Amino acid sequence: MSTAPFATPSDAPTAVVYCEANFGAIDGKTANGLVRSSGTYRIVSVIDSEQAGLDAGVALDDKPNAIPICRDLADAIATNGGVPDAFIFGMAPSSGMLSPPERALVLEAIGLGMDVVNGLHEFFNDDPELAAAAAAHGVTMFDVRRPKAKKDLRMFSGRIRDVTCPRIAVLGTDGAIGKRTTATVLTRALRARGLDAVMVGTGQTSLIQGARYGIALDAIPSQFCSGEMESAVVDAFENEDPDVIIVEGQGALSHPAYLTSTFILRGSQPQAVVLQHAPARSRLGDFGEMAMPTPASEINLIETFADTKVIGLTINHEHMTDAEVSAAITLYEAELGIPATDALTRSPDRLVDMVIAAFPQLEEKLSTPAS
């Protein structure tokens, strides 16, 4: 059993990830996620001229990973010693659309024979110029957010009641705050301790990373969102018979623009929620005029809206020192009466402890923690 939900196969196609001026930032979340883990592509470089020459792991997490950040596509190809198999558009701007300079770069990649992976709301295969170029050069463009045909979309059915294992959703107080990263780390930690944990993705990044179960929830017509969410969880349960299912969150229940948390709570009906929060973020990421909610207010909203319980708080440490993270953990545990941790800088066993405290029946399946 692999301990990583997105372990990279040795024969995975190579890919360069485009993230100009956004690597490590909010809109670079797709590139950030792929650099941390990818089960579909072997990431060989990142394009961001503002950080060219740095190691992507050091730039992101202060941990080298031998993925170079390059100035442009030509630099990436030279650094790789050849043309990678795929070009991944690694940004997730709120508009979800392609700019004219980015269009020229996509055409350049196509001209070099690279497959294109697109997580934007704008579908490249519907663009006559891009589609003609792809056909002429024999490459494939993957529009990750394209939903199934409406005749194939599923309505909510109530089958979620047949899922008997614990379901835990990782929600947040804002968009692009680290929900997918925490869900990935939590799934990996549970599997490392002997539990059969399956992660259900809900966004384009987890699908590009290689999530076996999931949907790009924000691209599905609203009438089908709850049903598609339910079906993804049911499929994971019926095919894997897991001990626990982890559901990646989207947006925030309190968010004025990103409302997909409502469908996650209604469709997957999690018995527990882990809440992700960035203590140093005073304003919503894409709406700087709006104040961030507090963890306490978000917990109250979640537990009022759904029949669930917030079992722990995880911290996004952006713009925080390690001492400030420790202080925040102590503060929130005292204020909220639930365990708190940072999924990236503290032991993953703290995440496992959150789950076992909420679902003690899982404890008998645990293996001894790694030393």
Protein backbone atom coordinates (compact mmCIF):
# COMPACT_ATOMS: atom_id res chain seq x y z
CA MET A 1 0.00 0.00 0.00
CA SER A 2 1.47 3.34 -1.03
CA THR A 3 1.56 5.91 1.75
CA ALA A 4 1.19 8.82 -0.68
CA PRO A 5 -2.11 9.61 -2.39
CA PHE A 6 -0.16 11.09 -5.29
CA ALA A 7 3.02 9.02 -5.57
CA THR A 8 4.82 9.67 -8.88
CA PRO A 9 5.21 6.52 -11.05
CA SER A 10 8.70 5.96 -12.43
CA ASP A 11 7.36 6.03 -15.99
CA ALA A 12 5.23 9.16 -15.55
CA PRO A 13 5.43 11.69 -18.40
CA THR A 14 7.59 14.73 -17.71
CA ALA A 15 6.03 18.16 -17.35
CA VAL A 16 6.95 21.81 -16.93
CA VAL A 17 4.53 23.91 -14.88
CA TYR A 18 3.85 27.51 -15.88
CA CYS A 19 3.35 29.84 -12.92
CA GLU A 20 4.71 33.24 -13.96
CA ALA A 21 4.97 35.71 -11.04
CA ASN A 22 2.77 33.50 -8.87
CA PHE A 23 4.78 30.53 -7.63
CA GLY A 24 4.23 30.17 -3.90
CA ALA A 25 1.40 32.71 -4.01
CA ILE A 26 -2.36 32.26 -3.80
CA ASP A 27 -3.00 32.13 -7.55
CA GLY A 28 -0.14 29.66 -7.98
CA LYS A 29 -1.87 26.96 -5.97
CA THR A 30 -1.94 24.44 -8.84
CA ALA A 31 1.82 24.73 -9.35
CA ASN A 32 2.39 24.69 -5.60
CA GLY A 33 0.44 21.47 -5.26
CA LEU A 34 2.14 19.74 -8.18
CA VAL A 35 5.59 20.59 -6.84
CA ARG A 36 4.67 19.02 -3.51
CA SER A 37 3.17 15.84 -4.99
CA SER A 38 2.04 14.52 -8.36
CA GLY A 39 0.86 11.06 -9.28
CA THR A 40 0.34 11.76 -12.98
CA TYR A 41 3.37 13.77 -14.12
CA ARG A 42 7.02 13.99 -13.13
CA ILE A 43 7.49 17.71 -12.65
CA VAL A 44 10.89 18.70 -14.06
CA SER A 45 10.69 22.49 -13.75
CA VAL A 46 8.54 25.51 -12.93
CA ILE A 47 8.40 28.71 -14.99
CA ASP A 48 8.44 31.92 -12.95
CA SER A 49 10.93 34.57 -14.10
CA GLU A 50 10.73 36.38 -10.76
CA GLN A 51 12.22 33.37 -8.94
CA ALA A 52 14.37 31.90 -11.71
CA GLY A 53 17.43 30.02 -10.47
CA LEU A 54 15.85 28.90 -7.21
CA ASP A 55 14.96 25.37 -6.19
CA ALA A 56 11.15 25.09 -6.19
CA GLY A 57 11.08 23.14 -2.94
CA VAL A 58 13.22 25.73 -1.18
CA ALA A 59 11.12 28.60 -2.55
CA LEU A 60 7.90 26.93 -1.43
CA ASP A 61 8.70 25.04 1.78
CA ASP A 62 12.41 25.63 2.54
CA LYS A 63 13.02 21.99 1.55
CA PRO A 64 15.02 21.31 -1.64
CA ASN A 65 13.37 18.95 -4.14
CA ALA A 66 15.64 19.33 -7.20
CA ILE A 67 12.89 20.96 -9.28
CA PRO A 68 14.42 24.14 -10.77
CA ILE A 69 12.52 27.37 -11.33
CA CYS A 70 13.24 28.64 -14.84
CA ARG A 71 13.00 32.01 -16.55
CA ASP A 72 10.86 30.93 -19.51
CA LEU A 73 9.97 27.92 -21.63
CA ALA A 74 13.28 27.99 -23.51
CA ASP A 75 15.15 28.00 -20.20
CA ALA A 76 13.03 25.11 -18.95
CA ILE A 77 13.79 23.05 -22.06
CA ALA A 78 17.51 23.79 -21.83
CA THR A 79 17.58 22.92 -18.14
CA ASN A 80 15.72 19.67 -18.78
CA GLY A 81 18.00 18.73 -21.68
CA GLY A 82 15.04 18.31 -24.00
CA VAL A 83 11.39 19.11 -24.50
CA PRO A 84 9.21 17.78 -21.64
CA ASP A 85 6.15 15.72 -22.51
CA ALA A 86 3.61 18.20 -21.16
CA PHE A 87 3.03 21.88 -20.44
CA ILE A 88 0.82 22.44 -17.40
CA PHE A 89 -0.89 25.78 -16.86
CA GLY A 90 -0.21 25.99 -13.14
CA MET A 91 -2.11 29.08 -12.07
CA ALA A 92 -5.68 29.42 -10.86
CA PRO A 93 -6.65 33.10 -11.22
CA SER A 94 -10.08 34.07 -9.96
CA SER A 95 -11.13 34.87 -13.54
CA GLY A 96 -10.17 31.40 -14.71
CA MET A 97 -9.34 32.84 -18.13
CA LEU A 98 -6.26 33.02 -20.40
CA SER A 99 -4.44 36.31 -21.09
CA PRO A 100 -3.03 37.15 -24.56
CA PRO A 101 0.64 36.59 -23.55
CA GLU A 102 -0.33 33.27 -21.99
CA ARG A 103 -2.14 32.27 -25.18
CA ALA A 104 1.08 32.87 -27.14
CA LEU A 105 3.01 30.70 -24.69
CA VAL A 106 0.48 27.86 -24.96
CA LEU A 107 0.81 28.03 -28.76
CA GLU A 108 4.60 27.90 -28.37
CA ALA A 109 4.35 24.77 -26.23
CA ILE A 110 1.99 23.14 -28.74
CA GLY A 111 4.40 24.02 -31.53
CA LEU A 112 7.14 22.15 -29.67
CA GLY A 113 4.97 19.03 -29.51
CA MET A 114 4.01 19.27 -25.85
CA ASP A 115 0.65 18.07 -24.57
CA VAL A 116 -1.17 20.84 -22.69
CA VAL A 117 -2.91 20.44 -19.34
CA ASN A 118 -5.39 23.22 -18.64
CA GLY A 119 -7.13 23.79 -15.32
CA LEU A 120 -8.83 27.07 -16.27
CA HIS A 121 -12.55 27.61 -16.76
CA GLU A 122 -11.74 28.48 -20.38
CA PHE A 123 -11.59 25.25 -22.39
CA PHE A 124 -8.69 25.15 -24.85
CA ASN A 125 -10.33 22.50 -27.03
CA ASP A 126 -13.17 24.95 -27.73
CA ASP A 127 -10.72 27.59 -28.98
CA PRO A 128 -10.42 27.30 -32.80
CA GLU A 129 -6.83 28.58 -32.92
CA LEU A 130 -5.56 26.37 -30.11
CA ALA A 131 -7.48 23.33 -31.36
CA ALA A 132 -6.13 23.76 -34.90
CA ALA A 133 -2.58 24.07 -33.60
CA ALA A 134 -2.96 20.96 -31.44
CA ALA A 135 -4.30 18.97 -34.39
CA ALA A 136 -1.50 20.18 -36.65
CA HIS A 137 1.19 19.13 -34.17
CA GLY A 138 -0.48 15.93 -33.00
CA VAL A 139 -0.70 16.90 -29.34
CA THR A 140 -3.49 16.48 -26.80
CA MET A 141 -5.04 19.25 -24.74
CA PHE A 142 -6.66 18.22 -21.46
CA ASP A 143 -9.37 20.58 -20.19
CA VAL A 144 -9.46 19.37 -16.60
CA ARG A 145 -12.46 21.42 -15.54
CA ARG A 146 -14.71 20.30 -18.39
CA PRO A 147 -17.71 18.53 -16.83
CA LYS A 148 -19.39 15.48 -18.25
CA ALA A 149 -22.31 15.87 -20.61
CA LYS A 150 -25.45 16.86 -18.74
CA LYS A 151 -27.07 13.52 -19.56
CA ASP A 152 -24.25 11.83 -17.61
CA LEU A 153 -24.32 14.10 -14.55
CA ARG A 154 -25.89 12.63 -11.43
CA MET A 155 -28.48 14.10 -9.09
CA PHE A 156 -28.36 13.56 -5.33
CA SER A 157 -29.90 10.18 -4.53
CA GLY A 158 -29.40 9.54 -0.82
CA ARG A 159 -26.90 6.73 -1.49
CA ILE A 160 -24.45 8.55 0.77
CA ARG A 161 -26.28 6.79 3.63
CA ASP A 162 -24.75 3.51 2.41
CA VAL A 163 -21.22 4.78 3.03
CA THR A 164 -20.45 3.32 6.44
CA CYS A 165 -16.85 4.46 6.95
CA PRO A 166 -16.02 7.85 8.53
CA ARG A 167 -16.00 10.79 6.14
CA ILE A 168 -13.88 13.83 7.00
CA ALA A 169 -14.00 17.06 4.98
CA VAL A 170 -11.13 19.54 5.09
CA LEU A 171 -12.80 22.94 4.86
CA GLY A 172 -11.37 26.43 5.31
CA THR A 173 -11.99 30.05 6.16
CA ASP A 174 -11.00 31.29 2.67
CA GLY A 175 -10.15 30.11 -0.81
CA ALA A 176 -6.57 29.07 -1.68
CA ILE A 177 -5.74 28.60 1.98
CA GLY A 178 -4.28 25.08 1.92
CA LYS A 179 -7.26 22.74 2.17
CA ARG A 180 -6.03 20.39 -0.55
CA THR A 181 -2.52 20.34 0.87
CA THR A 182 -3.79 19.49 4.34
CA ALA A 183 -6.15 16.83 2.92
CA THR A 184 -3.21 15.29 1.05
CA VAL A 185 -0.93 15.32 4.12
CA LEU A 186 -3.73 13.90 6.29
CA THR A 187 -4.46 11.09 3.83
CA ARG A 188 -0.77 10.24 3.59
CA ALA A 189 -0.38 10.29 7.39
CA LEU A 190 -3.33 7.96 7.92
CA ARG A 191 -2.03 5.54 5.31
CA ALA A 192 1.45 5.64 6.84
CA ARG A 193 -0.13 4.52 10.12
CA GLY A 194 -1.84 1.53 8.53
CA LEU A 195 -5.30 2.92 7.79
CA ASP A 196 -6.76 2.55 4.31
CA ALA A 197 -7.55 6.20 3.66
CA VAL A 198 -8.87 7.46 0.32
CA MET A 199 -8.94 11.10 -0.72
CA VAL A 200 -11.74 12.48 -2.89
CA GLY A 201 -10.64 15.57 -4.83
CA THR A 202 -12.95 18.46 -5.61
CA GLY A 203 -10.78 20.79 -7.69
CA GLN A 204 -8.66 20.93 -10.81
CA THR A 205 -5.33 20.64 -8.99
CA SER A 206 -6.09 17.35 -7.26
CA LEU A 207 -7.36 15.96 -10.56
CA ILE A 208 -4.12 16.97 -12.30
CA GLN A 209 -2.17 15.46 -9.42
CA GLY A 210 -3.87 12.15 -10.07
CA ALA A 211 -6.78 11.82 -7.64
CA ARG A 212 -8.53 8.55 -8.49
CA TYR A 213 -11.85 9.88 -7.26
CA GLY A 214 -13.11 13.40 -7.61
CA ILE A 215 -14.65 16.19 -9.65
CA ALA A 216 -13.93 19.81 -10.50
CA LEU A 217 -16.88 20.92 -8.43
CA ASP A 218 -16.87 24.59 -9.42
CA ALA A 219 -17.38 23.70 -13.10
CA ILE A 220 -20.51 21.58 -12.63
CA PRO A 221 -24.01 23.06 -13.01
CA SER A 222 -25.31 23.71 -9.52
CA GLN A 223 -28.28 21.34 -9.84
CA PHE A 224 -25.87 18.41 -10.13
CA CYS A 225 -23.14 19.47 -7.68
CA SER A 226 -24.51 17.70 -4.63
CA GLY A 227 -25.22 14.53 -6.61
CA GLU A 228 -21.79 14.47 -8.26
CA MET A 229 -20.16 15.00 -4.86
CA GLU A 230 -22.20 12.17 -3.39
CA SER A 231 -21.39 9.88 -6.31
CA ALA A 232 -17.64 10.50 -6.06
CA VAL A 233 -17.67 9.51 -2.39
CA VAL A 234 -19.89 6.47 -3.02
CA ASP A 235 -17.62 5.35 -5.86
CA ALA A 236 -14.56 5.62 -3.60
CA PHE A 237 -16.32 3.63 -0.88
CA GLU A 238 -17.64 0.88 -3.12
CA ASN A 239 -14.42 0.42 -5.09
CA GLU A 240 -11.89 0.73 -2.26
CA ASP A 241 -13.73 -0.35 0.94
CA PRO A 242 -11.61 2.17 2.88
CA ASP A 243 -11.33 2.73 6.61
CA VAL A 244 -11.83 6.48 6.15
CA ILE A 245 -12.54 8.93 3.31
CA ILE A 246 -10.98 12.40 3.23
CA VAL A 247 -12.85 15.00 1.15
CA GLU A 248 -10.96 18.01 -0.17
CA GLY A 249 -12.74 21.30 0.52
CA GLN A 250 -13.29 24.27 -1.78
CA GLY A 251 -13.78 27.94 -0.96
CA ALA A 252 -15.38 28.51 2.43
CA LEU A 253 -18.93 28.19 3.68
CA SER A 254 -18.86 31.87 4.66
CA HIS A 255 -17.28 33.05 1.39
CA PRO A 256 -19.38 35.46 -0.69
CA ALA A 257 -18.14 34.11 -4.06
CA TYR A 258 -16.89 30.53 -3.62
CA LEU A 259 -19.86 28.55 -2.36
CA THR A 260 -18.93 24.96 -3.22
CA SER A 261 -18.52 24.09 0.47
CA THR A 262 -22.31 23.91 0.62
CA PHE A 263 -22.34 21.04 -1.89
CA ILE A 264 -19.48 19.26 -0.14
CA LEU A 265 -21.35 19.35 3.15
CA ARG A 266 -24.67 18.30 1.59
CA GLY A 267 -23.34 15.80 -0.94
CA SER A 268 -20.67 13.97 1.08
CA GLN A 269 -22.34 14.55 4.47
CA PRO A 270 -19.10 14.30 6.48
CA GLN A 271 -19.37 13.28 10.09
CA ALA A 272 -16.33 15.45 10.86
CA VAL A 273 -14.55 18.53 9.53
CA VAL A 274 -10.96 19.71 9.84
CA LEU A 275 -10.86 23.49 9.42
CA GLN A 276 -7.91 25.23 7.71
CA HIS A 277 -7.15 28.84 8.71
CA ALA A 278 -4.40 31.42 8.01
CA PRO A 279 -3.97 33.51 11.18
CA ALA A 280 -1.86 36.17 9.43
CA ARG A 281 -4.40 36.67 6.63
CA SER A 282 -6.60 39.60 7.69
CA ARG A 283 -8.53 39.93 4.40
CA LEU A 284 -10.02 37.42 1.99
CA GLY A 285 -7.48 36.47 -0.66
CA ASP A 286 -9.39 37.64 -3.75
CA PHE A 287 -11.51 40.26 -1.98
CA GLY A 288 -9.16 42.54 -0.06
CA GLU A 289 -11.96 44.81 1.11
CA MET A 290 -13.55 41.96 3.08
CA ALA A 291 -12.29 40.80 6.48
CA MET A 292 -11.43 37.15 7.11
CA PRO A 293 -13.83 35.20 9.30
CA THR A 294 -12.54 33.88 12.59
CA PRO A 295 -12.22 30.13 13.13
CA ALA A 296 -14.90 30.36 15.82
CA SER A 297 -17.41 32.02 13.49
CA GLU A 298 -16.69 29.54 10.68
CA ILE A 299 -17.04 26.58 13.04
CA ASN A 300 -20.39 27.91 14.24
CA LEU A 301 -21.56 28.35 10.65
CA ILE A 302 -20.45 24.86 9.59
CA GLU A 303 -22.01 23.13 12.59
CA THR A 304 -25.24 25.11 12.17
CA PHE A 305 -25.48 24.41 8.43
CA ALA A 306 -24.70 20.69 8.58
CA ASP A 307 -24.99 17.73 10.92
CA THR A 308 -21.26 17.52 11.54
CA LYS A 309 -18.56 18.39 14.06
CA VAL A 310 -15.33 20.33 13.57
CA ILE A 311 -12.70 18.06 15.14
CA GLY A 312 -9.55 20.10 14.63
CA LEU A 313 -7.95 23.25 13.26
CA THR A 314 -5.00 23.28 10.88
CA ILE A 315 -2.91 26.38 10.29
CA ASN A 316 -1.59 27.90 7.09
CA HIS A 317 1.68 29.47 8.27
CA GLU A 318 2.00 32.09 5.52
CA HIS A 319 3.78 35.23 6.81
CA MET A 320 4.31 33.60 10.23
CA THR A 321 7.45 32.62 12.12
CA ASP A 322 7.65 29.19 13.72
CA ALA A 323 7.24 30.80 17.15
CA GLU A 324 4.08 32.53 15.93
CA VAL A 325 2.71 29.21 14.67
CA SER A 326 3.33 27.64 18.09
CA ALA A 327 1.62 30.54 19.81
CA ALA A 328 -1.37 30.32 17.45
CA ILE A 329 -1.72 26.59 18.09
CA THR A 330 -1.78 27.19 21.85
CA LEU A 331 -4.22 30.09 21.51
CA TYR A 332 -6.70 28.28 19.28
CA GLU A 333 -6.66 25.08 21.29
CA ALA A 334 -7.53 27.07 24.42
CA GLU A 335 -10.15 29.20 22.66
CA LEU A 336 -11.86 26.51 20.58
CA GLY A 337 -11.39 23.41 22.73
CA ILE A 338 -10.16 21.33 19.79
CA PRO A 339 -6.66 20.22 18.74
CA ALA A 340 -4.71 22.46 16.37
CA THR A 341 -1.59 21.93 14.29
CA ASP A 342 0.27 22.95 11.12
CA ALA A 343 0.14 20.10 8.61
CA LEU A 344 3.39 21.14 6.93
CA THR A 345 5.65 22.07 9.86
CA ARG A 346 4.46 19.82 12.68
CA SER A 347 4.40 16.03 13.01
CA PRO A 348 1.73 14.37 10.82
CA ASP A 349 0.89 12.21 13.83
CA ARG A 350 -0.93 15.24 15.25
CA LEU A 351 -3.36 14.95 12.34
CA VAL A 352 -3.80 11.25 12.98
CA ASP A 353 -4.49 12.01 16.65
CA MET A 354 -7.31 14.39 15.60
CA VAL A 355 -8.97 11.64 13.62
CA ILE A 356 -8.57 8.94 16.27
CA ALA A 357 -9.97 11.22 18.97
CA ALA A 358 -13.10 11.70 16.84
CA PHE A 359 -13.32 8.09 15.62
CA PRO A 360 -11.82 5.86 18.34
CA GLN A 361 -12.99 2.73 16.51
CA LEU A 362 -10.14 3.30 14.07
CA GLU A 363 -7.46 3.05 16.75
CA GLU A 364 -7.28 -0.75 16.70
CA LYS A 365 -6.15 -0.59 13.05
CA LEU A 366 -3.28 1.83 13.71
CA SER A 367 0.34 0.80 13.39
CA THR A 368 3.10 2.27 15.56
CA PRO A 369 4.13 5.79 14.50
CA ALA A 370 7.40 6.12 12.63
CA SER A 371 10.33 7.16 14.79
